[in-house]
Amino acid sequence: MKYIHRQKGADEMYKTWHSHGEYMIIYTYSSGGSLVTADATYPIKRGALAVIAPGKHHYTMPTMPENYERSKLFISEEELKPCLSLANFFDIAPGGFVYASLPESELEYAECLFEELSRSEGDERYRATLISSIALRLIVLCDKYATDKEMGASDSMTLAIRYVNDNIFEDITLDSVAAAANMSKYHFSRTFKRAVGVTVMEYILKTRIMLSKNLLASSELSILEVSERCGFSSVSYFCRAFKAEVGKTPLGYRKAGN
């Protein structure tokens, strides 16, 4: 088990996560931006609670990364089994994602649970039992207030996000994304910004930057090859956009070992 309490502004925007073999329970204290999966988007706000299974790809899109505040509990499937068995009404398979928007009346209770986690010390056997107990109560909360996809982004926005993710390496235009969402581009632009927190073109660019960072860190592809694979129209545009977003050139980013 690993617990991170009220972490603030440490995740980069658009960082990809897939839980690395552990379940992750995440609670957000700040408002602004979205949690994004291939299926839907959900708001980042005080009282957002999610249980994310191993293998579920998702990423965060806080509108103000430096103010993005959350607590995270990582727990293995073996450690979580007793909780899931007790909470037999809760079903989250590998690759699953459950999001809850807690009401005002439950916020103090939820935050007290995370505070209790942060103070857990002493005998490791006691600590493991305490964490399992708190994880169970958080799962019960998540199940009780779980929202369906319609409470995140609308179906139209989900179609748009899926289209962008599926075609991120191709030439994507506002017209083509709006058409995938079955909306006029003017209405679509306003709706997307309201639902996701950034414009669709910003979403496309930042997603491409995210993918390029992964390639720069994990492959020996040239800067030109990374640029082409991530759908940039030219290597010069890629380098300018990357530096504006990350603060370093692609080569500088790679040399720094990020």
C-alpha atoms as a PDB file:
ATOM      1  CA  MET A   1       0.000   0.000   0.000  1.00  0.00           C
ATOM      2  CA  LYS A   2       1.127   3.526  -0.696  1.00  0.00           C
ATOM      3  CA  TYR A   3      -0.603   6.707   0.392  1.00  0.00           C
ATOM      4  CA  ILE A   4      -0.022  10.286  -0.768  1.00  0.00           C
ATOM      5  CA  HIS A   5      -1.810  12.938   1.283  1.00  0.00           C
ATOM      6  CA  ARG A   6      -3.008  16.248  -0.164  1.00  0.00           C
ATOM      7  CA  GLN A   7      -0.440  16.315  -2.921  1.00  0.00           C
ATOM      8  CA  LYS A   8      -0.494  19.688  -4.622  1.00  0.00           C
ATOM      9  CA  GLY A   9       0.509  20.495  -8.164  1.00  0.00           C
ATOM     10  CA  ALA A  10       2.923  17.593  -8.638  1.00  0.00           C
ATOM     11  CA  ASP A  11       1.352  15.863 -11.630  1.00  0.00           C
ATOM     12  CA  GLU A  12       2.052  17.369 -15.017  1.00  0.00           C
ATOM     13  CA  MET A  13      -1.031  18.155 -17.055  1.00  0.00           C
ATOM     14  CA  TYR A  14      -2.068  15.330 -19.367  1.00  0.00           C
ATOM     15  CA  LYS A  15       0.136  12.764 -17.676  1.00  0.00           C
ATOM     16  CA  THR A  16      -0.972   9.248 -18.598  1.00  0.00           C
ATOM     17  CA  TRP A  17      -1.681   6.791 -15.783  1.00  0.00           C
ATOM     18  CA  HIS A  18      -2.722   3.175 -15.804  1.00  0.00           C
ATOM     19  CA  SER A  19      -2.311   2.312 -12.118  1.00  0.00           C
ATOM     20  CA  HIS A  20       0.728   0.048 -12.586  1.00  0.00           C
ATOM     21  CA  GLY A  21      -0.808  -3.138 -11.209  1.00  0.00           C
ATOM     22  CA  GLU A  22      -2.547  -1.449  -8.276  1.00  0.00           C
ATOM     23  CA  TYR A  23      -5.952   0.020  -7.661  1.00  0.00           C
ATOM     24  CA  MET A  24      -5.894   3.742  -7.066  1.00  0.00           C
ATOM     25  CA  ILE A  25      -8.420   5.615  -4.945  1.00  0.00           C
ATOM     26  CA  ILE A  26      -8.164   9.337  -5.643  1.00  0.00           C
ATOM     27  CA  TYR A  27      -9.963  12.244  -3.994  1.00  0.00           C
ATOM     28  CA  THR A  28      -9.692  15.837  -5.235  1.00  0.00           C
ATOM     29  CA  TYR A  29      -9.930  18.949  -3.055  1.00  0.00           C
ATOM     30  CA  SER A  30      -9.579  21.549  -5.810  1.00  0.00           C
ATOM     31  CA  SER A  31     -11.886  22.533  -8.646  1.00  0.00           C
ATOM     32  CA  GLY A  32     -11.154  23.036 -12.302  1.00  0.00           C
ATOM     33  CA  GLY A  33     -10.421  20.643 -15.144  1.00  0.00           C
ATOM     34  CA  SER A  34     -11.198  17.009 -15.839  1.00  0.00           C
ATOM     35  CA  LEU A  35     -10.279  13.383 -15.294  1.00  0.00           C
ATOM     36  CA  VAL A  36     -10.204  11.848 -18.766  1.00  0.00           C
ATOM     37  CA  THR A  37     -10.549   8.240 -19.903  1.00  0.00           C
ATOM     38  CA  ALA A  38     -11.075   6.840 -23.390  1.00  0.00           C
ATOM     39  CA  ASP A  39     -14.788   6.615 -22.587  1.00  0.00           C
ATOM     40  CA  ALA A  40     -15.698   9.845 -20.843  1.00  0.00           C
ATOM     41  CA  THR A  41     -14.515  12.904 -18.947  1.00  0.00           C
ATOM     42  CA  TYR A  42     -15.334  13.743 -15.331  1.00  0.00           C
ATOM     43  CA  PRO A  43     -14.898  17.029 -13.449  1.00  0.00           C
ATOM     44  CA  ILE A  44     -12.023  17.681 -11.063  1.00  0.00           C
ATOM     45  CA  LYS A  45     -13.585  19.365  -8.040  1.00  0.00           C
ATOM     46  CA  ARG A  46     -13.789  19.160  -4.276  1.00  0.00           C
ATOM     47  CA  GLY A  47     -15.576  15.935  -3.459  1.00  0.00           C
ATOM     48  CA  ALA A  48     -14.629  14.027  -6.609  1.00  0.00           C
ATOM     49  CA  LEU A  49     -13.788  10.452  -5.591  1.00  0.00           C
ATOM     50  CA  ALA A  50     -12.700   7.769  -8.045  1.00  0.00           C
ATOM     51  CA  VAL A  51     -11.620   4.146  -7.833  1.00  0.00           C
ATOM     52  CA  ILE A  52      -9.416   3.209 -10.775  1.00  0.00           C
ATOM     53  CA  ALA A  53      -8.512  -0.403 -11.493  1.00  0.00           C
ATOM     54  CA  PRO A  54      -5.155  -1.631 -12.826  1.00  0.00           C
ATOM     55  CA  GLY A  55      -4.892  -1.275 -16.583  1.00  0.00           C
ATOM     56  CA  LYS A  56      -7.315   1.641 -16.860  1.00  0.00           C
ATOM     57  CA  HIS A  57      -5.652   4.387 -18.879  1.00  0.00           C
ATOM     58  CA  HIS A  58      -6.648   7.877 -17.823  1.00  0.00           C
ATOM     59  CA  TYR A  59      -5.105  11.259 -17.256  1.00  0.00           C
ATOM     60  CA  THR A  60      -5.758  14.521 -15.461  1.00  0.00           C
ATOM     61  CA  MET A  61      -6.453  17.885 -17.069  1.00  0.00           C
ATOM     62  CA  PRO A  62      -6.417  20.439 -14.228  1.00  0.00           C
ATOM     63  CA  THR A  63      -7.021  23.967 -15.458  1.00  0.00           C
ATOM     64  CA  MET A  64      -4.469  25.280 -12.939  1.00  0.00           C
ATOM     65  CA  PRO A  65      -1.892  22.507 -12.304  1.00  0.00           C
ATOM     66  CA  GLU A  66      -0.176  24.393  -9.481  1.00  0.00           C
ATOM     67  CA  ASN A  67      -3.467  24.457  -7.541  1.00  0.00           C
ATOM     68  CA  TYR A  68      -4.495  20.865  -8.289  1.00  0.00           C
ATOM     69  CA  GLU A  69      -4.771  19.154  -4.885  1.00  0.00           C
ATOM     70  CA  ARG A  70      -5.590  15.501  -4.225  1.00  0.00           C
ATOM     71  CA  SER A  71      -4.990  12.482  -2.004  1.00  0.00           C
ATOM     72  CA  LYS A  72      -4.199   9.087  -3.494  1.00  0.00           C
ATOM     73  CA  LEU A  73      -4.203   5.591  -2.044  1.00  0.00           C
ATOM     74  CA  PHE A  74      -2.574   2.793  -4.054  1.00  0.00           C
ATOM     75  CA  ILE A  75      -3.605  -0.696  -3.005  1.00  0.00           C
ATOM     76  CA  SER A  76      -2.966  -4.091  -4.603  1.00  0.00           C
ATOM     77  CA  GLU A  77      -5.759  -6.371  -5.757  1.00  0.00           C
ATOM     78  CA  GLU A  78      -4.775  -8.887  -3.070  1.00  0.00           C
ATOM     79  CA  GLU A  79      -5.000  -6.220  -0.362  1.00  0.00           C
ATOM     80  CA  LEU A  80      -8.280  -4.938  -1.734  1.00  0.00           C
ATOM     81  CA  LYS A  81      -9.981  -8.334  -2.072  1.00  0.00           C
ATOM     82  CA  PRO A  82     -11.349  -8.384   1.511  1.00  0.00           C
ATOM     83  CA  CYS A  83     -12.874  -4.939   0.945  1.00  0.00           C
ATOM     84  CA  LEU A  84     -14.453  -5.925  -2.356  1.00  0.00           C
ATOM     85  CA  SER A  85     -15.769  -9.118  -0.797  1.00  0.00           C
ATOM     86  CA  LEU A  86     -17.423  -7.200   2.040  1.00  0.00           C
ATOM     87  CA  ALA A  87     -18.748  -4.559  -0.341  1.00  0.00           C
ATOM     88  CA  ASN A  88     -20.159  -7.181  -2.685  1.00  0.00           C
ATOM     89  CA  PHE A  89     -22.449  -4.602  -4.279  1.00  0.00           C
ATOM     90  CA  PHE A  90     -19.362  -2.828  -5.689  1.00  0.00           C
ATOM     91  CA  ASP A  91     -18.027  -4.175  -8.974  1.00  0.00           C
ATOM     92  CA  ILE A  92     -14.816  -2.869 -10.517  1.00  0.00           C
ATOM     93  CA  ALA A  93     -12.997  -5.288 -12.771  1.00  0.00           C
ATOM     94  CA  PRO A  94      -9.459  -4.816 -14.106  1.00  0.00           C
ATOM     95  CA  GLY A  95      -9.582  -1.905 -16.502  1.00  0.00           C
ATOM     96  CA  GLY A  96     -12.553  -0.407 -14.648  1.00  0.00           C
ATOM     97  CA  PHE A  97     -13.188   3.138 -13.460  1.00  0.00           C
ATOM     98  CA  VAL A  98     -15.814   4.328 -10.987  1.00  0.00           C
ATOM     99  CA  TYR A  99     -16.316   8.062 -10.366  1.00  0.00           C
ATOM    100  CA  ALA A 100     -18.414   9.617  -7.614  1.00  0.00           C
ATOM    101  CA  SER A 101     -19.365  13.205  -6.925  1.00  0.00           C
ATOM    102  CA  LEU A 102     -19.842  13.407  -3.161  1.00  0.00           C
ATOM    103  CA  PRO A 103     -22.531  15.740  -1.787  1.00  0.00           C
ATOM    104  CA  GLU A 104     -21.627  18.581   0.563  1.00  0.00           C
ATOM    105  CA  SER A 105     -22.896  16.559   3.532  1.00  0.00           C
ATOM    106  CA  GLU A 106     -20.247  13.828   2.968  1.00  0.00           C
ATOM    107  CA  LEU A 107     -17.176  15.993   2.310  1.00  0.00           C
ATOM    108  CA  GLU A 108     -16.064  16.322   5.934  1.00  0.00           C
ATOM    109  CA  TYR A 109     -16.464  12.575   6.484  1.00  0.00           C
ATOM    110  CA  ALA A 110     -14.455  11.692   3.352  1.00  0.00           C
ATOM    111  CA  GLU A 111     -11.705  14.155   4.173  1.00  0.00           C
ATOM    112  CA  CYS A 112     -11.501  12.867   7.746  1.00  0.00           C
ATOM    113  CA  LEU A 113     -10.901   9.370   6.354  1.00  0.00           C
ATOM    114  CA  PHE A 114      -7.950  10.647   4.347  1.00  0.00           C
ATOM    115  CA  GLU A 115      -6.663  12.572   7.371  1.00  0.00           C
ATOM    116  CA  GLU A 116      -6.840   9.348   9.374  1.00  0.00           C
ATOM    117  CA  LEU A 117      -4.796   7.619   6.681  1.00  0.00           C
ATOM    118  CA  SER A 118      -2.139  10.326   6.886  1.00  0.00           C
ATOM    119  CA  ARG A 119      -1.769   9.783  10.642  1.00  0.00           C
ATOM    120  CA  SER A 120      -1.549   5.978  10.506  1.00  0.00           C
ATOM    121  CA  GLU A 121       1.740   4.912  12.083  1.00  0.00           C
ATOM    122  CA  GLY A 122       3.056   2.254  14.410  1.00  0.00           C
ATOM    123  CA  ASP A 123       2.640  -1.496  14.053  1.00  0.00           C
ATOM    124  CA  GLU A 124       2.490  -2.379  10.359  1.00  0.00           C
ATOM    125  CA  ARG A 125      -0.152  -5.058  10.976  1.00  0.00           C
ATOM    126  CA  TYR A 126      -2.394  -2.459  12.600  1.00  0.00           C
ATOM    127  CA  ARG A 127      -1.664   0.017   9.834  1.00  0.00           C
ATOM    128  CA  ALA A 128      -2.591  -2.525   7.127  1.00  0.00           C
ATOM    129  CA  THR A 129      -5.872  -3.276   8.912  1.00  0.00           C
ATOM    130  CA  LEU A 130      -6.630   0.427   9.297  1.00  0.00           C
ATOM    131  CA  ILE A 131      -5.922   1.149   5.634  1.00  0.00           C
ATOM    132  CA  SER A 132      -8.134  -1.760   4.545  1.00  0.00           C
ATOM    133  CA  SER A 133     -10.907  -0.451   6.787  1.00  0.00           C
ATOM    134  CA  ILE A 134     -10.632   3.065   5.382  1.00  0.00           C
ATOM    135  CA  ALA A 135     -10.413   1.751   1.814  1.00  0.00           C
ATOM    136  CA  LEU A 136     -13.652  -0.161   2.412  1.00  0.00           C
ATOM    137  CA  ARG A 137     -15.428   2.973   3.668  1.00  0.00           C
ATOM    138  CA  LEU A 138     -14.171   4.958   0.670  1.00  0.00           C
ATOM    139  CA  ILE A 139     -15.379   2.247  -1.689  1.00  0.00           C
ATOM    140  CA  VAL A 140     -18.802   2.317  -0.036  1.00  0.00           C
ATOM    141  CA  LEU A 141     -18.908   6.099  -0.531  1.00  0.00           C
ATOM    142  CA  CYS A 142     -17.841   5.744  -4.148  1.00  0.00           C
ATOM    143  CA  ASP A 143     -20.491   3.113  -4.820  1.00  0.00           C
ATOM    144  CA  LYS A 144     -23.211   5.115  -3.057  1.00  0.00           C
ATOM    145  CA  TYR A 145     -22.620   8.268  -5.081  1.00  0.00           C
ATOM    146  CA  ALA A 146     -21.249   6.774  -8.292  1.00  0.00           C
ATOM    147  CA  THR A 147     -22.257   8.692 -11.369  1.00  0.00           C
ATOM    148  CA  ASP A 148     -22.845   7.217 -14.765  1.00  0.00           C
ATOM    149  CA  LYS A 149     -21.212   8.502 -17.904  1.00  0.00           C
ATOM    150  CA  GLU A 150     -23.972  11.026 -18.459  1.00  0.00           C
ATOM    151  CA  MET A 151     -22.915  12.820 -15.281  1.00  0.00           C
ATOM    152  CA  GLY A 152     -19.439  13.322 -16.718  1.00  0.00           C
ATOM    153  CA  ALA A 153     -19.208  14.581 -20.245  1.00  0.00           C
ATOM    154  CA  SER A 154     -22.229  14.287 -22.467  1.00  0.00           C
ATOM    155  CA  ASP A 155     -22.407  11.504 -25.031  1.00  0.00           C
ATOM    156  CA  SER A 156     -21.483  14.071 -27.693  1.00  0.00           C
ATOM    157  CA  MET A 157     -18.341  15.078 -25.814  1.00  0.00           C
ATOM    158  CA  THR A 158     -17.446  11.432 -25.280  1.00  0.00           C
ATOM    159  CA  LEU A 159     -17.750  10.855 -29.039  1.00  0.00           C
ATOM    160  CA  ALA A 160     -15.524  13.867 -29.650  1.00  0.00           C
ATOM    161  CA  ILE A 161     -12.848  12.736 -27.190  1.00  0.00           C
ATOM    162  CA  ARG A 162     -12.896   9.218 -28.589  1.00  0.00           C
ATOM    163  CA  TYR A 163     -12.533  10.592 -32.127  1.00  0.00           C
ATOM    164  CA  VAL A 164      -9.552  12.730 -31.104  1.00  0.00           C
ATOM    165  CA  ASN A 165      -7.867   9.872 -29.239  1.00  0.00           C
ATOM    166  CA  ASP A 166      -8.420   7.472 -32.147  1.00  0.00           C
ATOM    167  CA  ASN A 167      -7.105   9.932 -34.743  1.00  0.00           C
ATOM    168  CA  ILE A 168      -4.477  11.798 -32.762  1.00  0.00           C
ATOM    169  CA  PHE A 169      -1.732  10.889 -35.249  1.00  0.00           C
ATOM    170  CA  GLU A 170      -3.742  12.239 -38.199  1.00  0.00           C
ATOM    171  CA  ASP A 171      -4.695  15.732 -39.363  1.00  0.00           C
ATOM    172  CA  ILE A 172      -7.626  16.693 -37.096  1.00  0.00           C
ATOM    173  CA  THR A 173      -9.716  19.794 -37.651  1.00  0.00           C
ATOM    174  CA  LEU A 174     -12.404  21.473 -35.589  1.00  0.00           C
ATOM    175  CA  ASP A 175     -14.904  20.606 -38.327  1.00  0.00           C
ATOM    176  CA  SER A 176     -14.028  16.902 -38.227  1.00  0.00           C
ATOM    177  CA  VAL A 177     -14.296  16.657 -34.430  1.00  0.00           C
ATOM    178  CA  ALA A 178     -17.599  18.570 -34.395  1.00  0.00           C
ATOM    179  CA  ALA A 179     -18.932  16.220 -37.084  1.00  0.00           C
ATOM    180  CA  ALA A 180     -17.914  13.199 -34.967  1.00  0.00           C
ATOM    181  CA  ALA A 181     -19.916  14.727 -32.098  1.00  0.00           C
ATOM    182  CA  ASN A 182     -22.893  15.373 -34.404  1.00  0.00           C
ATOM    183  CA  MET A 183     -22.890  19.094 -33.569  1.00  0.00           C
ATOM    184  CA  SER A 184     -22.330  22.382 -35.366  1.00  0.00           C
ATOM    185  CA  LYS A 185     -18.764  23.548 -34.815  1.00  0.00           C
ATOM    186  CA  TYR A 186     -19.872  26.761 -33.102  1.00  0.00           C
ATOM    187  CA  HIS A 187     -22.083  25.007 -30.561  1.00  0.00           C
ATOM    188  CA  PHE A 188     -19.522  22.227 -30.227  1.00  0.00           C
ATOM    189  CA  SER A 189     -16.659  24.632 -29.427  1.00  0.00           C
ATOM    190  CA  ARG A 190     -18.563  26.214 -26.552  1.00  0.00           C
ATOM    191  CA  THR A 191     -19.806  22.883 -25.207  1.00  0.00           C
ATOM    192  CA  PHE A 192     -16.386  21.209 -25.350  1.00  0.00           C
ATOM    193  CA  LYS A 193     -14.657  24.047 -23.500  1.00  0.00           C
ATOM    194  CA  ARG A 194     -17.342  24.013 -20.796  1.00  0.00           C
ATOM    195  CA  ALA A 195     -17.178  20.202 -20.368  1.00  0.00           C
ATOM    196  CA  VAL A 196     -13.431  19.597 -20.619  1.00  0.00           C
ATOM    197  CA  GLY A 197     -11.917  22.891 -19.475  1.00  0.00           C
ATOM    198  CA  VAL A 198      -9.834  23.627 -22.586  1.00  0.00           C
ATOM    199  CA  THR A 199     -10.669  24.206 -26.252  1.00  0.00           C
ATOM    200  CA  VAL A 200     -10.652  21.205 -28.547  1.00  0.00           C
ATOM    201  CA  MET A 201      -7.535  22.446 -30.358  1.00  0.00           C
ATOM    202  CA  GLU A 202      -5.761  22.891 -27.006  1.00  0.00           C
ATOM    203  CA  TYR A 203      -6.839  19.379 -26.061  1.00  0.00           C
ATOM    204  CA  ILE A 204      -5.423  17.991 -29.322  1.00  0.00           C
ATOM    205  CA  LEU A 205      -2.139  19.871 -28.949  1.00  0.00           C
ATOM    206  CA  LYS A 206      -1.620  18.956 -25.315  1.00  0.00           C
ATOM    207  CA  THR A 207      -2.479  15.318 -25.962  1.00  0.00           C
ATOM    208  CA  ARG A 208       0.126  15.253 -28.734  1.00  0.00           C
ATOM    209  CA  ILE A 209       2.668  16.843 -26.389  1.00  0.00           C
ATOM    210  CA  MET A 210       1.870  14.175 -23.791  1.00  0.00           C
ATOM    211  CA  LEU A 211       2.441  11.415 -26.345  1.00  0.00           C
ATOM    212  CA  SER A 212       5.647  13.000 -27.578  1.00  0.00           C
ATOM    213  CA  LYS A 213       7.011  13.174 -24.013  1.00  0.00           C
ATOM    214  CA  ASN A 214       6.382   9.463 -23.632  1.00  0.00           C
ATOM    215  CA  LEU A 215       8.219   8.723 -26.892  1.00  0.00           C
ATOM    216  CA  LEU A 216      11.136  11.022 -26.040  1.00  0.00           C
ATOM    217  CA  ALA A 217      11.546   9.276 -22.690  1.00  0.00           C
ATOM    218  CA  SER A 218      11.050   5.690 -23.831  1.00  0.00           C
ATOM    219  CA  SER A 219      12.458   5.451 -27.377  1.00  0.00           C
ATOM    220  CA  GLU A 220      15.473   6.395 -29.456  1.00  0.00           C
ATOM    221  CA  LEU A 221      13.403   7.946 -32.237  1.00  0.00           C
ATOM    222  CA  SER A 222      14.769  11.171 -33.680  1.00  0.00           C
ATOM    223  CA  ILE A 223      13.032  14.476 -32.924  1.00  0.00           C
ATOM    224  CA  LEU A 224      11.701  14.479 -36.492  1.00  0.00           C
ATOM    225  CA  GLU A 225      10.322  10.947 -36.107  1.00  0.00           C
ATOM    226  CA  VAL A 226       8.665  11.814 -32.794  1.00  0.00           C
ATOM    227  CA  SER A 227       7.142  14.906 -34.399  1.00  0.00           C
ATOM    228  CA  GLU A 228       5.732  12.898 -37.309  1.00  0.00           C
ATOM    229  CA  ARG A 229       4.444  10.050 -35.144  1.00  0.00           C
ATOM    230  CA  CYS A 230       2.581  12.459 -32.884  1.00  0.00           C
ATOM    231  CA  GLY A 231       0.788  14.204 -35.736  1.00  0.00           C
ATOM    232  CA  PHE A 232       2.621  17.539 -35.858  1.00  0.00           C
ATOM    233  CA  SER A 233       2.604  19.302 -39.215  1.00  0.00           C
ATOM    234  CA  SER A 234       6.321  20.137 -39.032  1.00  0.00           C
ATOM    235  CA  VAL A 235       9.266  19.568 -36.730  1.00  0.00           C
ATOM    236  CA  SER A 236       9.721  23.324 -36.223  1.00  0.00           C
ATOM    237  CA  TYR A 237       6.119  23.678 -35.032  1.00  0.00           C
ATOM    238  CA  PHE A 238       6.580  20.652 -32.779  1.00  0.00           C
ATOM    239  CA  CYS A 239       9.687  22.167 -31.156  1.00  0.00           C
ATOM    240  CA  ARG A 240       7.998  25.557 -30.606  1.00  0.00           C
ATOM    241  CA  ALA A 241       4.819  24.011 -29.192  1.00  0.00           C
ATOM    242  CA  PHE A 242       6.760  21.581 -26.986  1.00  0.00           C
ATOM    243  CA  LYS A 243       8.916  24.316 -25.468  1.00  0.00           C
ATOM    244  CA  ALA A 244       5.900  26.559 -24.870  1.00  0.00           C
ATOM    245  CA  GLU A 245       4.092  23.750 -23.027  1.00  0.00           C
ATOM    246  CA  VAL A 246       6.960  22.002 -21.217  1.00  0.00           C
ATOM    247  CA  GLY A 247       9.526  24.783 -20.808  1.00  0.00           C
ATOM    248  CA  LYS A 248      12.262  22.810 -22.574  1.00  0.00           C
ATOM    249  CA  THR A 249      13.003  21.829 -26.147  1.00  0.00           C
ATOM    250  CA  PRO A 250      12.309  18.183 -27.040  1.00  0.00           C
ATOM    251  CA  LEU A 251      16.060  17.510 -27.096  1.00  0.00           C
ATOM    252  CA  GLY A 252      16.545  19.299 -23.775  1.00  0.00           C
ATOM    253  CA  TYR A 253      13.706  17.286 -22.273  1.00  0.00           C
ATOM    254  CA  ARG A 254      15.285  14.037 -23.443  1.00  0.00           C
ATOM    255  CA  LYS A 255      18.765  14.982 -22.199  1.00  0.00           C
ATOM    256  CA  ALA A 256      17.366  15.936 -18.797  1.00  0.00           C
ATOM    257  CA  GLY A 257      16.148  12.343 -18.440  1.00  0.00           C
ATOM    258  CA  ASN A 258      12.473  13.259 -17.901  1.00  0.00           C
END
